[in-house]
ModelCIF file with pLDDT and N, C-alpha, C, O atoms, coordinates in Angstrom:
data_MODEL
#
_entry.id   MODEL 
#
_entity.id                         1 
_entity.type                       polymer 
_entity.pdbx_number_of_molecules   1 
#
_entity_poly.entity_id                      1 
_entity_poly.type                           'polypeptide(L)' 
_entity_poly.nstd_linkage                   no 
_entity_poly.nstd_monomer                   no 
_entity_poly.pdbx_seq_one_letter_code       TLSYTPPQHEFDAMVSARYNGIPIGSSKCSLTQAIRLHDLHQ 
_entity_poly.pdbx_seq_one_letter_code_can   TLSYTPPQHEFDAMVSARYNGIPIGSSKCSLTQAIRLHDLHQ 
_entity_poly.pdbx_strand_id                 A 
#
loop_
_entity_poly_seq.entity_id 
_entity_poly_seq.num 
_entity_poly_seq.mon_id 
_entity_poly_seq.hetero 
1 1  THR n 
1 2  LEU n 
1 3  SER n 
1 4  TYR n 
1 5  THR n 
1 6  PRO n 
1 7  PRO n 
1 8  GLN n 
1 9  HIS n 
1 10 GLU n 
1 11 PHE n 
1 12 ASP n 
1 13 ALA n 
1 14 MET n 
1 15 VAL n 
1 16 SER n 
1 17 ALA n 
1 18 ARG n 
1 19 TYR n 
1 20 ASN n 
1 21 GLY n 
1 22 ILE n 
1 23 PRO n 
1 24 ILE n 
1 25 GLY n 
1 26 SER n 
1 27 SER n 
1 28 LYS n 
1 29 CYS n 
1 30 SER n 
1 31 LEU n 
1 32 THR n 
1 33 GLN n 
1 34 ALA n 
1 35 ILE n 
1 36 ARG n 
1 37 LEU n 
1 38 HIS n 
1 39 ASP n 
1 40 LEU n 
1 41 HIS n 
1 42 GLN n 
#
_struct_asym.id          A 
_struct_asym.entity_id   1 
#
loop_
_ma_qa_metric.id 
_ma_qa_metric.mode 
_ma_qa_metric.name 
_ma_qa_metric.software_group_id 
_ma_qa_metric.type 
1 global pLDDT . pLDDT 
2 local  pLDDT . pLDDT 
#
_ma_qa_metric_global.metric_id      1 
_ma_qa_metric_global.metric_value   95.55 
_ma_qa_metric_global.model_id       1 
_ma_qa_metric_global.ordinal_id     1 
#
loop_
_ma_qa_metric_local.label_asym_id 
_ma_qa_metric_local.label_comp_id 
_ma_qa_metric_local.label_seq_id 
_ma_qa_metric_local.metric_id 
_ma_qa_metric_local.metric_value 
_ma_qa_metric_local.model_id 
_ma_qa_metric_local.ordinal_id 
A THR 1  2 94.00 1 1  
A LEU 2  2 93.00 1 2  
A SER 3  2 86.00 1 3  
A TYR 4  2 88.00 1 4  
A THR 5  2 92.00 1 5  
A PRO 6  2 96.00 1 6  
A PRO 7  2 97.00 1 7  
A GLN 8  2 98.00 1 8  
A HIS 9  2 98.00 1 9  
A GLU 10 2 98.00 1 10 
A PHE 11 2 98.00 1 11 
A ASP 12 2 98.00 1 12 
A ALA 13 2 98.00 1 13 
A MET 14 2 98.00 1 14 
A VAL 15 2 98.00 1 15 
A SER 16 2 98.00 1 16 
A ALA 17 2 97.00 1 17 
A ARG 18 2 97.00 1 18 
A TYR 19 2 96.00 1 19 
A ASN 20 2 93.00 1 20 
A GLY 21 2 91.00 1 21 
A ILE 22 2 96.00 1 22 
A PRO 23 2 97.00 1 23 
A ILE 24 2 97.00 1 24 
A GLY 25 2 95.00 1 25 
A SER 26 2 95.00 1 26 
A SER 27 2 92.00 1 27 
A LYS 28 2 94.00 1 28 
A CYS 29 2 96.00 1 29 
A SER 30 2 96.00 1 30 
A LEU 31 2 97.00 1 31 
A THR 32 2 97.00 1 32 
A GLN 33 2 96.00 1 33 
A ALA 34 2 97.00 1 34 
A ILE 35 2 97.00 1 35 
A ARG 36 2 95.00 1 36 
A LEU 37 2 93.00 1 37 
A HIS 38 2 92.00 1 38 
A ASP 39 2 96.00 1 39 
A LEU 40 2 97.00 1 40 
A HIS 41 2 98.00 1 41 
A GLN 42 2 98.00 1 42 
#
loop_
_atom_site.group_PDB 
_atom_site.id 
_atom_site.type_symbol 
_atom_site.label_atom_id 
_atom_site.label_alt_id 
_atom_site.label_comp_id 
_atom_site.label_asym_id 
_atom_site.label_entity_id 
_atom_site.label_seq_id 
_atom_site.pdbx_PDB_ins_code 
_atom_site.Cartn_x 
_atom_site.Cartn_y 
_atom_site.Cartn_z 
_atom_site.occupancy 
_atom_site.B_iso_or_equiv 
_atom_site.pdbx_formal_charge 
_atom_site.auth_seq_id 
_atom_site.auth_comp_id 
_atom_site.auth_asym_id 
_atom_site.auth_atom_id 
_atom_site.pdbx_PDB_model_num 
ATOM 1   N N  . THR A 1 1  ? 9.145   -1.503  -0.062 1.00 94.00 ? 1  THR A N  1 
ATOM 2   C CA . THR A 1 1  ? 9.205   -1.750  -1.505 1.00 94.00 ? 1  THR A CA 1 
ATOM 3   C C  . THR A 1 1  ? 8.710   -0.548  -2.310 1.00 94.00 ? 1  THR A C  1 
ATOM 4   O O  . THR A 1 1  ? 8.802   -0.543  -3.537 1.00 94.00 ? 1  THR A O  1 
ATOM 5   N N  . LEU A 1 2  ? 8.192   0.457   -1.631 1.00 93.00 ? 2  LEU A N  1 
ATOM 6   C CA . LEU A 1 2  ? 7.649   1.622   -2.326 1.00 93.00 ? 2  LEU A CA 1 
ATOM 7   C C  . LEU A 1 2  ? 8.722   2.676   -2.545 1.00 93.00 ? 2  LEU A C  1 
ATOM 8   O O  . LEU A 1 2  ? 9.750   2.689   -1.868 1.00 93.00 ? 2  LEU A O  1 
ATOM 9   N N  . SER A 1 3  ? 8.467   3.551   -3.499 1.00 86.00 ? 3  SER A N  1 
ATOM 10  C CA . SER A 1 3  ? 9.408   4.636   -3.779 1.00 86.00 ? 3  SER A CA 1 
ATOM 11  C C  . SER A 1 3  ? 9.056   5.918   -3.023 1.00 86.00 ? 3  SER A C  1 
ATOM 12  O O  . SER A 1 3  ? 9.631   6.977   -3.277 1.00 86.00 ? 3  SER A O  1 
ATOM 13  N N  . TYR A 1 4  ? 8.118   5.811   -2.106 1.00 88.00 ? 4  TYR A N  1 
ATOM 14  C CA . TYR A 1 4  ? 7.728   6.972   -1.305 1.00 88.00 ? 4  TYR A CA 1 
ATOM 15  C C  . TYR A 1 4  ? 7.343   6.505   0.092  1.00 88.00 ? 4  TYR A C  1 
ATOM 16  O O  . TYR A 1 4  ? 7.038   5.332   0.304  1.00 88.00 ? 4  TYR A O  1 
ATOM 17  N N  . THR A 1 5  ? 7.359   7.425   1.031  1.00 92.00 ? 5  THR A N  1 
ATOM 18  C CA . THR A 1 5  ? 6.903   7.136   2.384  1.00 92.00 ? 5  THR A CA 1 
ATOM 19  C C  . THR A 1 5  ? 5.532   7.783   2.548  1.00 92.00 ? 5  THR A C  1 
ATOM 20  O O  . THR A 1 5  ? 5.402   9.000   2.418  1.00 92.00 ? 5  THR A O  1 
ATOM 21  N N  . PRO A 1 6  ? 4.522   6.988   2.830  1.00 96.00 ? 6  PRO A N  1 
ATOM 22  C CA . PRO A 1 6  ? 3.181   7.561   2.949  1.00 96.00 ? 6  PRO A CA 1 
ATOM 23  C C  . PRO A 1 6  ? 3.030   8.370   4.234  1.00 96.00 ? 6  PRO A C  1 
ATOM 24  O O  . PRO A 1 6  ? 3.754   8.142   5.203  1.00 96.00 ? 6  PRO A O  1 
ATOM 25  N N  . PRO A 1 7  ? 2.091   9.311   4.244  1.00 97.00 ? 7  PRO A N  1 
ATOM 26  C CA . PRO A 1 7  ? 1.790   10.022  5.490  1.00 97.00 ? 7  PRO A CA 1 
ATOM 27  C C  . PRO A 1 7  ? 1.118   9.081   6.485  1.00 97.00 ? 7  PRO A C  1 
ATOM 28  O O  . PRO A 1 7  ? 0.660   8.000   6.115  1.00 97.00 ? 7  PRO A O  1 
ATOM 29  N N  . GLN A 1 8  ? 1.062   9.494   7.733  1.00 98.00 ? 8  GLN A N  1 
ATOM 30  C CA . GLN A 1 8  ? 0.511   8.666   8.807  1.00 98.00 ? 8  GLN A CA 1 
ATOM 31  C C  . GLN A 1 8  ? -0.885  8.140   8.482  1.00 98.00 ? 8  GLN A C  1 
ATOM 32  O O  . GLN A 1 8  ? -1.175  6.967   8.719  1.00 98.00 ? 8  GLN A O  1 
ATOM 33  N N  . HIS A 1 9  ? -1.746  8.992   7.944  1.00 98.00 ? 9  HIS A N  1 
ATOM 34  C CA . HIS A 1 9  ? -3.129  8.565   7.709  1.00 98.00 ? 9  HIS A CA 1 
ATOM 35  C C  . HIS A 1 9  ? -3.215  7.469   6.644  1.00 98.00 ? 9  HIS A C  1 
ATOM 36  O O  . HIS A 1 9  ? -4.078  6.596   6.745  1.00 98.00 ? 9  HIS A O  1 
ATOM 37  N N  . GLU A 1 10 ? -2.362  7.487   5.643  1.00 98.00 ? 10 GLU A N  1 
ATOM 38  C CA . GLU A 1 10 ? -2.364  6.409   4.653  1.00 98.00 ? 10 GLU A CA 1 
ATOM 39  C C  . GLU A 1 10 ? -1.891  5.105   5.296  1.00 98.00 ? 10 GLU A C  1 
ATOM 40  O O  . GLU A 1 10 ? -2.474  4.046   5.063  1.00 98.00 ? 10 GLU A O  1 
ATOM 41  N N  . PHE A 1 11 ? -0.845  5.185   6.095  1.00 98.00 ? 11 PHE A N  1 
ATOM 42  C CA . PHE A 1 11 ? -0.357  4.012   6.811  1.00 98.00 ? 11 PHE A CA 1 
ATOM 43  C C  . PHE A 1 11 ? -1.460  3.437   7.700  1.00 98.00 ? 11 PHE A C  1 
ATOM 44  O O  . PHE A 1 11 ? -1.710  2.231   7.691  1.00 98.00 ? 11 PHE A O  1 
ATOM 45  N N  . ASP A 1 12 ? -2.111  4.303   8.460  1.00 98.00 ? 12 ASP A N  1 
ATOM 46  C CA . ASP A 1 12 ? -3.180  3.856   9.355  1.00 98.00 ? 12 ASP A CA 1 
ATOM 47  C C  . ASP A 1 12 ? -4.289  3.146   8.596  1.00 98.00 ? 12 ASP A C  1 
ATOM 48  O O  . ASP A 1 12 ? -4.772  2.101   9.033  1.00 98.00 ? 12 ASP A O  1 
ATOM 49  N N  . ALA A 1 13 ? -4.693  3.700   7.471  1.00 98.00 ? 13 ALA A N  1 
ATOM 50  C CA . ALA A 1 13 ? -5.764  3.087   6.683  1.00 98.00 ? 13 ALA A CA 1 
ATOM 51  C C  . ALA A 1 13 ? -5.340  1.711   6.180  1.00 98.00 ? 13 ALA A C  1 
ATOM 52  O O  . ALA A 1 13 ? -6.139  0.774   6.177  1.00 98.00 ? 13 ALA A O  1 
ATOM 53  N N  . MET A 1 14 ? -4.089  1.589   5.756  1.00 98.00 ? 14 MET A N  1 
ATOM 54  C CA . MET A 1 14 ? -3.603  0.288   5.297  1.00 98.00 ? 14 MET A CA 1 
ATOM 55  C C  . MET A 1 14 ? -3.570  -0.719  6.447  1.00 98.00 ? 14 MET A C  1 
ATOM 56  O O  . MET A 1 14 ? -3.918  -1.884  6.254  1.00 98.00 ? 14 MET A O  1 
ATOM 57  N N  . VAL A 1 15 ? -3.160  -0.288  7.634  1.00 98.00 ? 15 VAL A N  1 
ATOM 58  C CA . VAL A 1 15 ? -3.131  -1.178  8.794  1.00 98.00 ? 15 VAL A CA 1 
ATOM 59  C C  . VAL A 1 15 ? -4.546  -1.632  9.145  1.00 98.00 ? 15 VAL A C  1 
ATOM 60  O O  . VAL A 1 15 ? -4.766  -2.812  9.418  1.00 98.00 ? 15 VAL A O  1 
ATOM 61  N N  . SER A 1 16 ? -5.506  -0.708  9.141  1.00 98.00 ? 16 SER A N  1 
ATOM 62  C CA . SER A 1 16 ? -6.888  -1.069  9.439  1.00 98.00 ? 16 SER A CA 1 
ATOM 63  C C  . SER A 1 16 ? -7.402  -2.111  8.463  1.00 98.00 ? 16 SER A C  1 
ATOM 64  O O  . SER A 1 16 ? -8.020  -3.099  8.861  1.00 98.00 ? 16 SER A O  1 
ATOM 65  N N  . ALA A 1 17 ? -7.145  -1.887  7.188  1.00 97.00 ? 17 ALA A N  1 
ATOM 66  C CA . ALA A 1 17 ? -7.605  -2.826  6.168  1.00 97.00 ? 17 ALA A CA 1 
ATOM 67  C C  . ALA A 1 17 ? -6.934  -4.187  6.341  1.00 97.00 ? 17 ALA A C  1 
ATOM 68  O O  . ALA A 1 17 ? -7.591  -5.223  6.231  1.00 97.00 ? 17 ALA A O  1 
ATOM 69  N N  . ARG A 1 18 ? -5.639  -4.188  6.611  1.00 97.00 ? 18 ARG A N  1 
ATOM 70  C CA . ARG A 1 18 ? -4.921  -5.453  6.817  1.00 97.00 ? 18 ARG A CA 1 
ATOM 71  C C  . ARG A 1 18 ? -5.456  -6.169  8.059  1.00 97.00 ? 18 ARG A C  1 
ATOM 72  O O  . ARG A 1 18 ? -5.661  -7.382  8.041  1.00 97.00 ? 18 ARG A O  1 
ATOM 73  N N  . TYR A 1 19 ? -5.679  -5.421  9.125  1.00 96.00 ? 19 TYR A N  1 
ATOM 74  C CA . TYR A 1 19 ? -6.234  -5.969  10.369 1.00 96.00 ? 19 TYR A CA 1 
ATOM 75  C C  . TYR A 1 19 ? -7.566  -6.660  10.089 1.00 96.00 ? 19 TYR A C  1 
ATOM 76  O O  . TYR A 1 19 ? -7.888  -7.683  10.694 1.00 96.00 ? 19 TYR A O  1 
ATOM 77  N N  . ASN A 1 20 ? -8.329  -6.088  9.170  1.00 93.00 ? 20 ASN A N  1 
ATOM 78  C CA . ASN A 1 20 ? -9.664  -6.597  8.868  1.00 93.00 ? 20 ASN A CA 1 
ATOM 79  C C  . ASN A 1 20 ? -9.677  -7.593  7.703  1.00 93.00 ? 20 ASN A C  1 
ATOM 80  O O  . ASN A 1 20 ? -10.742 -7.928  7.185  1.00 93.00 ? 20 ASN A O  1 
ATOM 81  N N  . GLY A 1 21 ? -8.509  -8.059  7.297  1.00 91.00 ? 21 GLY A N  1 
ATOM 82  C CA . GLY A 1 21 ? -8.467  -9.157  6.348  1.00 91.00 ? 21 GLY A CA 1 
ATOM 83  C C  . GLY A 1 21 ? -8.109  -8.847  4.912  1.00 91.00 ? 21 GLY A C  1 
ATOM 84  O O  . GLY A 1 21 ? -8.026  -9.772  4.104  1.00 91.00 ? 21 GLY A O  1 
ATOM 85  N N  . ILE A 1 22 ? -7.893  -7.592  4.552  1.00 96.00 ? 22 ILE A N  1 
ATOM 86  C CA . ILE A 1 22 ? -7.466  -7.288  3.186  1.00 96.00 ? 22 ILE A CA 1 
ATOM 87  C C  . ILE A 1 22 ? -5.968  -7.566  3.104  1.00 96.00 ? 22 ILE A C  1 
ATOM 88  O O  . ILE A 1 22 ? -5.201  -7.028  3.903  1.00 96.00 ? 22 ILE A O  1 
ATOM 89  N N  . PRO A 1 23 ? -5.538  -8.392  2.158  1.00 97.00 ? 23 PRO A N  1 
ATOM 90  C CA . PRO A 1 23 ? -4.125  -8.798  2.127  1.00 97.00 ? 23 PRO A CA 1 
ATOM 91  C C  . PRO A 1 23 ? -3.179  -7.770  1.506  1.00 97.00 ? 23 PRO A C  1 
ATOM 92  O O  . PRO A 1 23 ? -2.381  -8.104  0.630  1.00 97.00 ? 23 PRO A O  1 
ATOM 93  N N  . ILE A 1 24 ? -3.272  -6.525  1.963  1.00 97.00 ? 24 ILE A N  1 
ATOM 94  C CA . ILE A 1 24 ? -2.338  -5.504  1.484  1.00 97.00 ? 24 ILE A CA 1 
ATOM 95  C C  . ILE A 1 24 ? -0.925  -5.977  1.821  1.00 97.00 ? 24 ILE A C  1 
ATOM 96  O O  . ILE A 1 24 ? -0.647  -6.409  2.940  1.00 97.00 ? 24 ILE A O  1 
ATOM 97  N N  . GLY A 1 25 ? -0.050  -5.886  0.839  1.00 95.00 ? 25 GLY A N  1 
ATOM 98  C CA . GLY A 1 25 ? 1.307   -6.373  0.993  1.00 95.00 ? 25 GLY A CA 1 
ATOM 99  C C  . GLY A 1 25 ? 1.536   -7.640  0.193  1.00 95.00 ? 25 GLY A C  1 
ATOM 100 O O  . GLY A 1 25 ? 2.674   -7.964  -0.148 1.00 95.00 ? 25 GLY A O  1 
ATOM 101 N N  . SER A 1 26 ? 0.466   -8.357  -0.109 1.00 95.00 ? 26 SER A N  1 
ATOM 102 C CA . SER A 1 26 ? 0.563   -9.564  -0.931 1.00 95.00 ? 26 SER A CA 1 
ATOM 103 C C  . SER A 1 26 ? 0.680   -9.154  -2.399 1.00 95.00 ? 26 SER A C  1 
ATOM 104 O O  . SER A 1 26 ? -0.050  -8.280  -2.867 1.00 95.00 ? 26 SER A O  1 
ATOM 105 N N  . SER A 1 27 ? 1.586   -9.779  -3.105 1.00 92.00 ? 27 SER A N  1 
ATOM 106 C CA . SER A 1 27 ? 1.779   -9.433  -4.519 1.00 92.00 ? 27 SER A CA 1 
ATOM 107 C C  . SER A 1 27 ? 0.571   -9.797  -5.369 1.00 92.00 ? 27 SER A C  1 
ATOM 108 O O  . SER A 1 27 ? 0.424   -9.284  -6.478 1.00 92.00 ? 27 SER A O  1 
ATOM 109 N N  . LYS A 1 28 ? -0.297  -10.672 -4.872 1.00 94.00 ? 28 LYS A N  1 
ATOM 110 C CA . LYS A 1 28 ? -1.482  -11.083 -5.628 1.00 94.00 ? 28 LYS A CA 1 
ATOM 111 C C  . LYS A 1 28 ? -2.680  -10.163 -5.399 1.00 94.00 ? 28 LYS A C  1 
ATOM 112 O O  . LYS A 1 28 ? -3.709  -10.319 -6.057 1.00 94.00 ? 28 LYS A O  1 
ATOM 113 N N  . CYS A 1 29 ? -2.563  -9.225  -4.493 1.00 96.00 ? 29 CYS A N  1 
ATOM 114 C CA . CYS A 1 29 ? -3.673  -8.329  -4.154 1.00 96.00 ? 29 CYS A CA 1 
ATOM 115 C C  . CYS A 1 29 ? -3.658  -7.111  -5.080 1.00 96.00 ? 29 CYS A C  1 
ATOM 116 O O  . CYS A 1 29 ? -2.661  -6.394  -5.161 1.00 96.00 ? 29 CYS A O  1 
ATOM 117 N N  . SER A 1 30 ? -4.773  -6.889  -5.773 1.00 96.00 ? 30 SER A N  1 
ATOM 118 C CA . SER A 1 30 ? -4.849  -5.750  -6.696 1.00 96.00 ? 30 SER A CA 1 
ATOM 119 C C  . SER A 1 30 ? -4.712  -4.416  -5.960 1.00 96.00 ? 30 SER A C  1 
ATOM 120 O O  . SER A 1 30 ? -4.204  -3.447  -6.525 1.00 96.00 ? 30 SER A O  1 
ATOM 121 N N  . LEU A 1 31 ? -5.163  -4.360  -4.703 1.00 97.00 ? 31 LEU A N  1 
ATOM 122 C CA . LEU A 1 31 ? -5.021  -3.128  -3.929 1.00 97.00 ? 31 LEU A CA 1 
ATOM 123 C C  . LEU A 1 31 ? -3.547  -2.843  -3.648 1.00 97.00 ? 31 LEU A C  1 
ATOM 124 O O  . LEU A 1 31 ? -3.124  -1.688  -3.676 1.00 97.00 ? 31 LEU A O  1 
ATOM 125 N N  . THR A 1 32 ? -2.773  -3.878  -3.381 1.00 97.00 ? 32 THR A N  1 
ATOM 126 C CA . THR A 1 32 ? -1.332  -3.713  -3.190 1.00 97.00 ? 32 THR A CA 1 
ATOM 127 C C  . THR A 1 32 ? -0.711  -3.053  -4.421 1.00 97.00 ? 32 THR A C  1 
ATOM 128 O O  . THR A 1 32 ? 0.085   -2.121  -4.303 1.00 97.00 ? 32 THR A O  1 
ATOM 129 N N  . GLN A 1 33 ? -1.082  -3.541  -5.587 1.00 96.00 ? 33 GLN A N  1 
ATOM 130 C CA . GLN A 1 33 ? -0.526  -3.002  -6.838 1.00 96.00 ? 33 GLN A CA 1 
ATOM 131 C C  . GLN A 1 33 ? -0.951  -1.546  -7.047 1.00 96.00 ? 33 GLN A C  1 
ATOM 132 O O  . GLN A 1 33 ? -0.147  -0.722  -7.484 1.00 96.00 ? 33 GLN A O  1 
ATOM 133 N N  . ALA A 1 34 ? -2.200  -1.233  -6.739 1.00 97.00 ? 34 ALA A N  1 
ATOM 134 C CA . ALA A 1 34 ? -2.682  0.143   -6.898 1.00 97.00 ? 34 ALA A CA 1 
ATOM 135 C C  . ALA A 1 34 ? -1.936  1.091   -5.960 1.00 97.00 ? 34 ALA A C  1 
ATOM 136 O O  . ALA A 1 34 ? -1.576  2.200   -6.356 1.00 97.00 ? 34 ALA A O  1 
ATOM 137 N N  . ILE A 1 35 ? -1.705  0.661   -4.718 1.00 97.00 ? 35 ILE A N  1 
ATOM 138 C CA . ILE A 1 35 ? -0.961  1.491   -3.766 1.00 97.00 ? 35 ILE A CA 1 
ATOM 139 C C  . ILE A 1 35 ? 0.476   1.655   -4.244 1.00 97.00 ? 35 ILE A C  1 
ATOM 140 O O  . ILE A 1 35 ? 1.041   2.747   -4.172 1.00 97.00 ? 35 ILE A O  1 
ATOM 141 N N  . ARG A 1 36 ? 1.057   0.579   -4.726 1.00 95.00 ? 36 ARG A N  1 
ATOM 142 C CA . ARG A 1 36 ? 2.429   0.629   -5.238 1.00 95.00 ? 36 ARG A CA 1 
ATOM 143 C C  . ARG A 1 36 ? 2.554   1.681   -6.352 1.00 95.00 ? 36 ARG A C  1 
ATOM 144 O O  . ARG A 1 36 ? 3.544   2.408   -6.426 1.00 95.00 ? 36 ARG A O  1 
ATOM 145 N N  . LEU A 1 37 ? 1.535   1.746   -7.208 1.00 93.00 ? 37 LEU A N  1 
ATOM 146 C CA . LEU A 1 37 ? 1.534   2.712   -8.320 1.00 93.00 ? 37 LEU A CA 1 
ATOM 147 C C  . LEU A 1 37 ? 1.080   4.102   -7.882 1.00 93.00 ? 37 LEU A C  1 
ATOM 148 O O  . LEU A 1 37 ? 1.180   5.065   -8.641 1.00 93.00 ? 37 LEU A O  1 
ATOM 149 N N  . HIS A 1 38 ? 0.584   4.194   -6.658 1.00 92.00 ? 38 HIS A N  1 
ATOM 150 C CA . HIS A 1 38 ? 0.069   5.458   -6.115 1.00 92.00 ? 38 HIS A CA 1 
ATOM 151 C C  . HIS A 1 38 ? -1.035  6.024   -7.018 1.00 92.00 ? 38 HIS A C  1 
ATOM 152 O O  . HIS A 1 38 ? -1.107  7.228   -7.264 1.00 92.00 ? 38 HIS A O  1 
ATOM 153 N N  . ASP A 1 39 ? -1.892  5.115   -7.503 1.00 96.00 ? 39 ASP A N  1 
ATOM 154 C CA . ASP A 1 39 ? -2.987  5.449   -8.416 1.00 96.00 ? 39 ASP A CA 1 
ATOM 155 C C  . ASP A 1 39 ? -4.274  5.554   -7.597 1.00 96.00 ? 39 ASP A C  1 
ATOM 156 O O  . ASP A 1 39 ? -4.916  4.544   -7.306 1.00 96.00 ? 39 ASP A O  1 
ATOM 157 N N  . LEU A 1 40 ? -4.642  6.772   -7.230 1.00 97.00 ? 40 LEU A N  1 
ATOM 158 C CA . LEU A 1 40 ? -5.760  6.987   -6.318 1.00 97.00 ? 40 LEU A CA 1 
ATOM 159 C C  . LEU A 1 40 ? -7.076  6.423   -6.854 1.00 97.00 ? 40 LEU A C  1 
ATOM 160 O O  . LEU A 1 40 ? -7.851  5.838   -6.098 1.00 97.00 ? 40 LEU A O  1 
ATOM 161 N N  . HIS A 1 41 ? -7.328  6.591   -8.131 1.00 98.00 ? 41 HIS A N  1 
ATOM 162 C CA . HIS A 1 41 ? -8.567  6.059   -8.704 1.00 98.00 ? 41 HIS A CA 1 
ATOM 163 C C  . HIS A 1 41 ? -8.612  4.536   -8.544 1.00 98.00 ? 41 HIS A C  1 
ATOM 164 O O  . HIS A 1 41 ? -9.634  3.988   -8.133 1.00 98.00 ? 41 HIS A O  1 
ATOM 165 N N  . GLN A 1 42 ? -7.531  3.866   -8.859 1.00 98.00 ? 42 GLN A N  1 
ATOM 166 C CA . GLN A 1 42 ? -7.465  2.407   -8.752 1.00 98.00 ? 42 GLN A CA 1 
ATOM 167 C C  . GLN A 1 42 ? -7.496  1.966   -7.287 1.00 98.00 ? 42 GLN A C  1 
ATOM 168 O O  . GLN A 1 42 ? -7.449  0.769   -7.002 1.00 98.00 ? 42 GLN A O  1 
#
């Protein structure tokens, strides 16, 4: 759903967070929205 392909390390970090219970990928997750916008501060 993104307009870019992240580098390996960004993918890995997202997988680790998802593995540990952060619902990255869920439309209700604010982190999902921040990643979608590629807003590093957020």
